[in-house]
Amino acid sequence: MFLDNYHELLGIIKKLGAGSDLGKVNKALKDLNEKADEFLEIYDENHNKEVDISELIEKRTELAKDLAKDKKESRS
């Protein structure tokens, strides 16, 4: 499911383009793509561009800390 959504977003980003004159939508999509790549770097242990439940279970402590950190930052 995550992989399908990721590929759909990639298709949208490619259609909109990533020129130097980014609009708000293009910038938001670019930021989202970067965040998805960061998430994959951290949690995708077998590097298949897919995060399995087993991979999240292994890193659940780290995931919980990341989620708590993001929640705290969004309040500020």
PDB file of N, CA and C in Angstrom:
ATOM      1  N   MET A   1       0.827  -1.186   0.000  1.00  0.00           N
ATOM      2  CA  MET A   1       0.000   0.000   0.000  1.00  0.00           C
ATOM      3  C   MET A   1       0.876   1.255   0.000  1.00  0.00           C
ATOM      4  N   PHE A   2       1.842   1.322   0.921  1.00  0.00           N
ATOM      5  CA  PHE A   2       2.731   2.473   0.984  1.00  0.00           C
ATOM      6  C   PHE A   2       3.488   2.625  -0.324  1.00  0.00           C
ATOM      7  N   LEU A   3       3.957   1.512  -0.887  1.00  0.00           N
ATOM      8  CA  LEU A   3       4.714   1.559  -2.130  1.00  0.00           C
ATOM      9  C   LEU A   3       3.847   2.090  -3.264  1.00  0.00           C
ATOM     10  N   ASP A   4       2.596   1.663  -3.339  1.00  0.00           N
ATOM     11  CA  ASP A   4       1.688   2.152  -4.375  1.00  0.00           C
ATOM     12  C   ASP A   4       1.493   3.656  -4.251  1.00  0.00           C
ATOM     13  N   ASN A   5       1.252   4.131  -3.043  1.00  0.00           N
ATOM     14  CA  ASN A   5       1.070   5.566  -2.812  1.00  0.00           C
ATOM     15  C   ASN A   5       2.332   6.345  -3.163  1.00  0.00           C
ATOM     16  N   TYR A   6       3.467   5.780  -2.813  1.00  0.00           N
ATOM     17  CA  TYR A   6       4.752   6.421  -3.104  1.00  0.00           C
ATOM     18  C   TYR A   6       4.928   6.574  -4.609  1.00  0.00           C
ATOM     19  N   HIS A   7       4.643   5.510  -5.359  1.00  0.00           N
ATOM     20  CA  HIS A   7       4.795   5.560  -6.815  1.00  0.00           C
ATOM     21  C   HIS A   7       3.779   6.512  -7.453  1.00  0.00           C
ATOM     22  N   GLU A   8       2.581   6.584  -6.913  1.00  0.00           N
ATOM     23  CA  GLU A   8       1.595   7.541  -7.419  1.00  0.00           C
ATOM     24  C   GLU A   8       2.088   8.963  -7.216  1.00  0.00           C
ATOM     25  N   LEU A   9       2.650   9.245  -6.029  1.00  0.00           N
ATOM     26  CA  LEU A   9       3.189  10.578  -5.772  1.00  0.00           C
ATOM     27  C   LEU A   9       4.356  10.896  -6.691  1.00  0.00           C
ATOM     28  N   LEU A  10       5.204   9.918  -6.941  1.00  0.00           N
ATOM     29  CA  LEU A  10       6.315  10.150  -7.865  1.00  0.00           C
ATOM     30  C   LEU A  10       5.801  10.513  -9.247  1.00  0.00           C
ATOM     31  N   GLY A  11       4.758   9.817  -9.695  1.00  0.00           N
ATOM     32  CA  GLY A  11       4.166  10.120 -10.998  1.00  0.00           C
ATOM     33  C   GLY A  11       3.610  11.526 -11.043  1.00  0.00           C
ATOM     34  N   ILE A  12       2.956  11.955  -9.981  1.00  0.00           N
ATOM     35  CA  ILE A  12       2.407  13.309  -9.918  1.00  0.00           C
ATOM     36  C   ILE A  12       3.527  14.337  -9.952  1.00  0.00           C
ATOM     37  N   ILE A  13       4.575  14.086  -9.186  1.00  0.00           N
ATOM     38  CA  ILE A  13       5.697  15.021  -9.122  1.00  0.00           C
ATOM     39  C   ILE A  13       6.346  15.157 -10.496  1.00  0.00           C
ATOM     40  N   LYS A  14       6.533  14.038 -11.191  1.00  0.00           N
ATOM     41  CA  LYS A  14       7.155  14.093 -12.518  1.00  0.00           C
ATOM     42  C   LYS A  14       6.283  14.873 -13.502  1.00  0.00           C
ATOM     43  N   LYS A  15       4.952  14.716 -13.418  1.00  0.00           N
ATOM     44  CA  LYS A  15       4.046  15.427 -14.312  1.00  0.00           C
ATOM     45  C   LYS A  15       4.085  16.937 -14.062  1.00  0.00           C
ATOM     46  N   LEU A  16       4.169  17.328 -12.792  1.00  0.00           N
ATOM     47  CA  LEU A  16       4.183  18.744 -12.458  1.00  0.00           C
ATOM     48  C   LEU A  16       5.525  19.393 -12.723  1.00  0.00           C
ATOM     49  N   GLY A  17       6.558  18.600 -12.725  1.00  0.00           N
ATOM     50  CA  GLY A  17       7.892  19.121 -12.982  1.00  0.00           C
ATOM     51  C   GLY A  17       8.526  19.677 -11.732  1.00  0.00           C
ATOM     52  N   ALA A  18       9.816  19.771 -11.769  1.00  0.00           N
ATOM     53  CA  ALA A  18      10.547  20.290 -10.610  1.00  0.00           C
ATOM     54  C   ALA A  18      11.512  21.363 -11.066  1.00  0.00           C
ATOM     55  N   GLY A  19      11.002  22.362 -11.781  1.00  0.00           N
ATOM     56  CA  GLY A  19      11.839  23.446 -12.280  1.00  0.00           C
ATOM     57  C   GLY A  19      12.286  24.362 -11.161  1.00  0.00           C
ATOM     58  N   SER A  20      13.062  25.354 -11.526  1.00  0.00           N
ATOM     59  CA  SER A  20      13.580  26.271 -10.508  1.00  0.00           C
ATOM     60  C   SER A  20      12.503  27.235 -10.024  1.00  0.00           C
ATOM     61  N   ASP A  21      11.419  27.410 -10.802  1.00  0.00           N
ATOM     62  CA  ASP A  21      10.337  28.316 -10.425  1.00  0.00           C
ATOM     63  C   ASP A  21       9.176  27.499  -9.849  1.00  0.00           C
ATOM     64  N   LEU A  22       9.381  26.959  -8.640  1.00  0.00           N
ATOM     65  CA  LEU A  22       8.392  26.083  -8.039  1.00  0.00           C
ATOM     66  C   LEU A  22       7.227  26.870  -7.454  1.00  0.00           C
ATOM     67  N   GLY A  23       6.023  26.384  -7.734  1.00  0.00           N
ATOM     68  CA  GLY A  23       4.832  26.947  -7.106  1.00  0.00           C
ATOM     69  C   GLY A  23       4.638  26.293  -5.747  1.00  0.00           C
ATOM     70  N   LYS A  24       3.592  26.673  -5.055  1.00  0.00           N
ATOM     71  CA  LYS A  24       3.337  26.118  -3.729  1.00  0.00           C
ATOM     72  C   LYS A  24       3.093  24.612  -3.787  1.00  0.00           C
ATOM     73  N   VAL A  25       2.328  24.167  -4.781  1.00  0.00           N
ATOM     74  CA  VAL A  25       2.031  22.736  -4.892  1.00  0.00           C
ATOM     75  C   VAL A  25       3.289  21.956  -5.210  1.00  0.00           C
ATOM     76  N   ASN A  26       4.066  22.443  -6.169  1.00  0.00           N
ATOM     77  CA  ASN A  26       5.305  21.752  -6.528  1.00  0.00           C
ATOM     78  C   ASN A  26       6.262  21.691  -5.344  1.00  0.00           C
ATOM     79  N   LYS A  27       6.356  22.793  -4.590  1.00  0.00           N
ATOM     80  CA  LYS A  27       7.252  22.805  -3.426  1.00  0.00           C
ATOM     81  C   LYS A  27       6.771  21.812  -2.378  1.00  0.00           C
ATOM     82  N   ALA A  28       5.461  21.782  -2.135  1.00  0.00           N
ATOM     83  CA  ALA A  28       4.918  20.847  -1.140  1.00  0.00           C
ATOM     84  C   ALA A  28       5.161  19.406  -1.571  1.00  0.00           C
ATOM     85  N   LEU A  29       4.977  19.115  -2.857  1.00  0.00           N
ATOM     86  CA  LEU A  29       5.216  17.765  -3.354  1.00  0.00           C
ATOM     87  C   LEU A  29       6.698  17.402  -3.286  1.00  0.00           C
ATOM     88  N   LYS A  30       7.550  18.364  -3.567  1.00  0.00           N
ATOM     89  CA  LYS A  30       8.991  18.116  -3.479  1.00  0.00           C
ATOM     90  C   LYS A  30       9.389  17.826  -2.032  1.00  0.00           C
ATOM     91  N   ASP A  31       8.843  18.618  -1.092  1.00  0.00           N
ATOM     92  CA  ASP A  31       9.128  18.399   0.333  1.00  0.00           C
ATOM     93  C   ASP A  31       8.624  17.024   0.781  1.00  0.00           C
ATOM     94  N   LEU A  32       7.426  16.662   0.327  1.00  0.00           N
ATOM     95  CA  LEU A  32       6.858  15.363   0.672  1.00  0.00           C
ATOM     96  C   LEU A  32       7.715  14.228   0.128  1.00  0.00           C
ATOM     97  N   ASN A  33       8.197  14.382  -1.094  1.00  0.00           N
ATOM     98  CA  ASN A  33       9.069  13.374  -1.698  1.00  0.00           C
ATOM     99  C   ASN A  33      10.365  13.226  -0.896  1.00  0.00           C
ATOM    100  N   GLU A  34      10.925  14.341  -0.467  1.00  0.00           N
ATOM    101  CA  GLU A  34      12.149  14.292   0.335  1.00  0.00           C
ATOM    102  C   GLU A  34      11.898  13.613   1.676  1.00  0.00           C
ATOM    103  N   LYS A  35      10.763  13.914   2.306  1.00  0.00           N
ATOM    104  CA  LYS A  35      10.428  13.283   3.587  1.00  0.00           C
ATOM    105  C   LYS A  35      10.213  11.779   3.417  1.00  0.00           C
ATOM    106  N   ALA A  36       9.561  11.382   2.306  1.00  0.00           N
ATOM    107  CA  ALA A  36       9.354   9.951   2.036  1.00  0.00           C
ATOM    108  C   ALA A  36      10.690   9.255   1.839  1.00  0.00           C
ATOM    109  N   ASP A  37      11.612   9.912   1.137  1.00  0.00           N
ATOM    110  CA  ASP A  37      12.947   9.332   0.936  1.00  0.00           C
ATOM    111  C   ASP A  37      13.684   9.191   2.267  1.00  0.00           C
ATOM    112  N   GLU A  38      13.564  10.210   3.136  1.00  0.00           N
ATOM    113  CA  GLU A  38      14.194  10.139   4.460  1.00  0.00           C
ATOM    114  C   GLU A  38      13.610   8.985   5.273  1.00  0.00           C
ATOM    115  N   PHE A  39      12.290   8.838   5.213  1.00  0.00           N
ATOM    116  CA  PHE A  39      11.618   7.759   5.932  1.00  0.00           C
ATOM    117  C   PHE A  39      12.128   6.407   5.441  1.00  0.00           C
ATOM    118  N   LEU A  40      12.257   6.256   4.130  1.00  0.00           N
ATOM    119  CA  LEU A  40      12.757   4.997   3.569  1.00  0.00           C
ATOM    120  C   LEU A  40      14.197   4.731   3.990  1.00  0.00           C
ATOM    121  N   GLU A  41      15.017   5.788   4.010  1.00  0.00           N
ATOM    122  CA  GLU A  41      16.412   5.616   4.429  1.00  0.00           C
ATOM    123  C   GLU A  41      16.499   5.072   5.853  1.00  0.00           C
ATOM    124  N   ILE A  42      15.627   5.552   6.711  1.00  0.00           N
ATOM    125  CA  ILE A  42      15.676   5.160   8.116  1.00  0.00           C
ATOM    126  C   ILE A  42      15.062   3.783   8.350  1.00  0.00           C
ATOM    127  N   TYR A  43      13.901   3.522   7.772  1.00  0.00           N
ATOM    128  CA  TYR A  43      13.121   2.345   8.151  1.00  0.00           C
ATOM    129  C   TYR A  43      13.134   1.201   7.143  1.00  0.00           C
ATOM    130  N   ASP A  44      13.590   1.421   5.924  1.00  0.00           N
ATOM    131  CA  ASP A  44      13.610   0.363   4.916  1.00  0.00           C
ATOM    132  C   ASP A  44      14.950  -0.366   4.979  1.00  0.00           C
ATOM    133  N   GLU A  45      15.007  -1.379   5.809  1.00  0.00           N
ATOM    134  CA  GLU A  45      16.280  -2.070   6.050  1.00  0.00           C
ATOM    135  C   GLU A  45      16.773  -2.883   4.854  1.00  0.00           C
ATOM    136  N   ASN A  46      15.861  -3.461   4.071  1.00  0.00           N
ATOM    137  CA  ASN A  46      16.306  -4.274   2.934  1.00  0.00           C
ATOM    138  C   ASN A  46      16.361  -3.471   1.634  1.00  0.00           C
ATOM    139  N   HIS A  47      16.140  -2.160   1.712  1.00  0.00           N
ATOM    140  CA  HIS A  47      16.292  -1.222   0.591  1.00  0.00           C
ATOM    141  C   HIS A  47      15.500  -1.618  -0.648  1.00  0.00           C
ATOM    142  N   ASN A  48      14.247  -2.046  -0.429  1.00  0.00           N
ATOM    143  CA  ASN A  48      13.394  -2.399  -1.558  1.00  0.00           C
ATOM    144  C   ASN A  48      12.344  -1.321  -1.827  1.00  0.00           C
ATOM    145  N   LYS A  49      12.554  -0.126  -1.279  1.00  0.00           N
ATOM    146  CA  LYS A  49      11.639   1.013  -1.426  1.00  0.00           C
ATOM    147  C   LYS A  49      10.258   0.709  -0.852  1.00  0.00           C
ATOM    148  N   GLU A  50      10.228  -0.148   0.160  1.00  0.00           N
ATOM    149  CA  GLU A  50       8.986  -0.541   0.797  1.00  0.00           C
ATOM    150  C   GLU A  50       9.279  -0.784   2.269  1.00  0.00           C
ATOM    151  N   VAL A  51       8.446  -0.249   3.144  1.00  0.00           N
ATOM    152  CA  VAL A  51       8.630  -0.461   4.572  1.00  0.00           C
ATOM    153  C   VAL A  51       7.601  -1.481   5.033  1.00  0.00           C
ATOM    154  N   ASP A  52       8.094  -2.642   5.423  1.00  0.00           N
ATOM    155  CA  ASP A  52       7.225  -3.711   5.898  1.00  0.00           C
ATOM    156  C   ASP A  52       6.926  -3.520   7.380  1.00  0.00           C
ATOM    157  N   ILE A  53       5.841  -4.113   7.816  1.00  0.00           N
ATOM    158  CA  ILE A  53       5.477  -4.043   9.232  1.00  0.00           C
ATOM    159  C   ILE A  53       6.611  -4.580  10.099  1.00  0.00           C
ATOM    160  N   SER A  54       7.251  -5.639   9.647  1.00  0.00           N
ATOM    161  CA  SER A  54       8.348  -6.219  10.436  1.00  0.00           C
ATOM    162  C   SER A  54       9.494  -5.222  10.607  1.00  0.00           C
ATOM    163  N   GLU A  55       9.736  -4.401   9.595  1.00  0.00           N
ATOM    164  CA  GLU A  55      10.794  -3.392   9.699  1.00  0.00           C
ATOM    165  C   GLU A  55      10.394  -2.311  10.710  1.00  0.00           C
ATOM    166  N   LEU A  56       9.126  -1.949  10.721  1.00  0.00           N
ATOM    167  CA  LEU A  56       8.659  -0.957  11.693  1.00  0.00           C
ATOM    168  C   LEU A  56       8.681  -1.517  13.110  1.00  0.00           C
ATOM    169  N   ILE A  57       8.329  -2.794  13.241  1.00  0.00           N
ATOM    170  CA  ILE A  57       8.346  -3.418  14.562  1.00  0.00           C
ATOM    171  C   ILE A  57       9.762  -3.420  15.127  1.00  0.00           C
ATOM    172  N   GLU A  58      10.737  -3.731  14.274  1.00  0.00           N
ATOM    173  CA  GLU A  58      12.137  -3.745  14.723  1.00  0.00           C
ATOM    174  C   GLU A  58      12.585  -2.373  15.210  1.00  0.00           C
ATOM    175  N   LYS A  59      12.098  -1.323  14.562  1.00  0.00           N
ATOM    176  CA  LYS A  59      12.535   0.028  14.906  1.00  0.00           C
ATOM    177  C   LYS A  59      11.424   0.828  15.577  1.00  0.00           C
ATOM    178  N   ARG A  60      10.530   0.147  16.284  1.00  0.00           N
ATOM    179  CA  ARG A  60       9.373   0.821  16.875  1.00  0.00           C
ATOM    180  C   ARG A  60       9.768   1.884  17.893  1.00  0.00           C
ATOM    181  N   THR A  61      10.825   1.673  18.630  1.00  0.00           N
ATOM    182  CA  THR A  61      11.262   2.664  19.617  1.00  0.00           C
ATOM    183  C   THR A  61      11.705   3.937  18.906  1.00  0.00           C
ATOM    184  N   GLU A  62      12.508   3.767  17.853  1.00  0.00           N
ATOM    185  CA  GLU A  62      12.983   4.917  17.077  1.00  0.00           C
ATOM    186  C   GLU A  62      11.804   5.638  16.407  1.00  0.00           C
ATOM    187  N   LEU A  63      10.852   4.869  15.871  1.00  0.00           N
ATOM    188  CA  LEU A  63       9.671   5.449  15.235  1.00  0.00           C
ATOM    189  C   LEU A  63       8.858   6.250  16.255  1.00  0.00           C
ATOM    190  N   ALA A  64       8.678   5.709  17.431  1.00  0.00           N
ATOM    191  CA  ALA A  64       7.914   6.411  18.477  1.00  0.00           C
ATOM    192  C   ALA A  64       8.595   7.730  18.852  1.00  0.00           C
ATOM    193  N   LYS A  65       9.914   7.708  18.967  1.00  0.00           N
ATOM    194  CA  LYS A  65      10.647   8.943  19.276  1.00  0.00           C
ATOM    195  C   LYS A  65      10.499   9.967  18.152  1.00  0.00           C
ATOM    196  N   ASP A  66      10.592   9.503  16.902  1.00  0.00           N
ATOM    197  CA  ASP A  66      10.446  10.405  15.761  1.00  0.00           C
ATOM    198  C   ASP A  66       9.051  11.025  15.724  1.00  0.00           C
ATOM    199  N   LEU A  67       8.036  10.214  15.970  1.00  0.00           N
ATOM    200  CA  LEU A  67       6.669  10.727  15.966  1.00  0.00           C
ATOM    201  C   LEU A  67       6.448  11.716  17.101  1.00  0.00           C
ATOM    202  N   ALA A  68       6.989  11.435  18.272  1.00  0.00           N
ATOM    203  CA  ALA A  68       6.856  12.343  19.411  1.00  0.00           C
ATOM    204  C   ALA A  68       7.575  13.660  19.132  1.00  0.00           C
ATOM    205  N   LYS A  69       8.742  13.584  18.502  1.00  0.00           N
ATOM    206  CA  LYS A  69       9.509  14.773  18.169  1.00  0.00           C
ATOM    207  C   LYS A  69       8.734  15.646  17.178  1.00  0.00           C
ATOM    208  N   ASP A  70       8.165  15.022  16.146  1.00  0.00           N
ATOM    209  CA  ASP A  70       7.396  15.766  15.148  1.00  0.00           C
ATOM    210  C   ASP A  70       6.164  16.398  15.766  1.00  0.00           C
ATOM    211  N   LYS A  71       5.521  15.695  16.687  1.00  0.00           N
ATOM    212  CA  LYS A  71       4.331  16.230  17.360  1.00  0.00           C
ATOM    213  C   LYS A  71       4.704  17.446  18.196  1.00  0.00           C
ATOM    214  N   LYS A  72       5.833  17.349  18.907  1.00  0.00           N
ATOM    215  CA  LYS A  72       6.293  18.445  19.750  1.00  0.00           C
ATOM    216  C   LYS A  72       6.663  19.669  18.884  1.00  0.00           C
ATOM    217  N   GLU A  73       7.327  19.425  17.739  1.00  0.00           N
ATOM    218  CA  GLU A  73       7.728  20.517  16.858  1.00  0.00           C
ATOM    219  C   GLU A  73       6.514  21.200  16.235  1.00  0.00           C
ATOM    220  N   SER A  74       5.467  20.457  15.930  1.00  0.00           N
ATOM    221  CA  SER A  74       4.284  21.046  15.312  1.00  0.00           C
ATOM    222  C   SER A  74       3.513  21.937  16.292  1.00  0.00           C
ATOM    223  N   ARG A  75       3.675  21.694  17.582  1.00  0.00           N
ATOM    224  CA  ARG A  75       3.011  22.526  18.603  1.00  0.00           C
ATOM    225  C   ARG A  75       3.697  23.862  18.759  1.00  0.00           C
ATOM    226  N   SER A  76       4.985  23.947  18.474  1.00  0.00           N
ATOM    227  CA  SER A  76       5.742  25.183  18.690  1.00  0.00           C
ATOM    228  C   SER A  76       5.447  26.221  17.644  1.00  0.00           C
TER     229      SER A  76
END
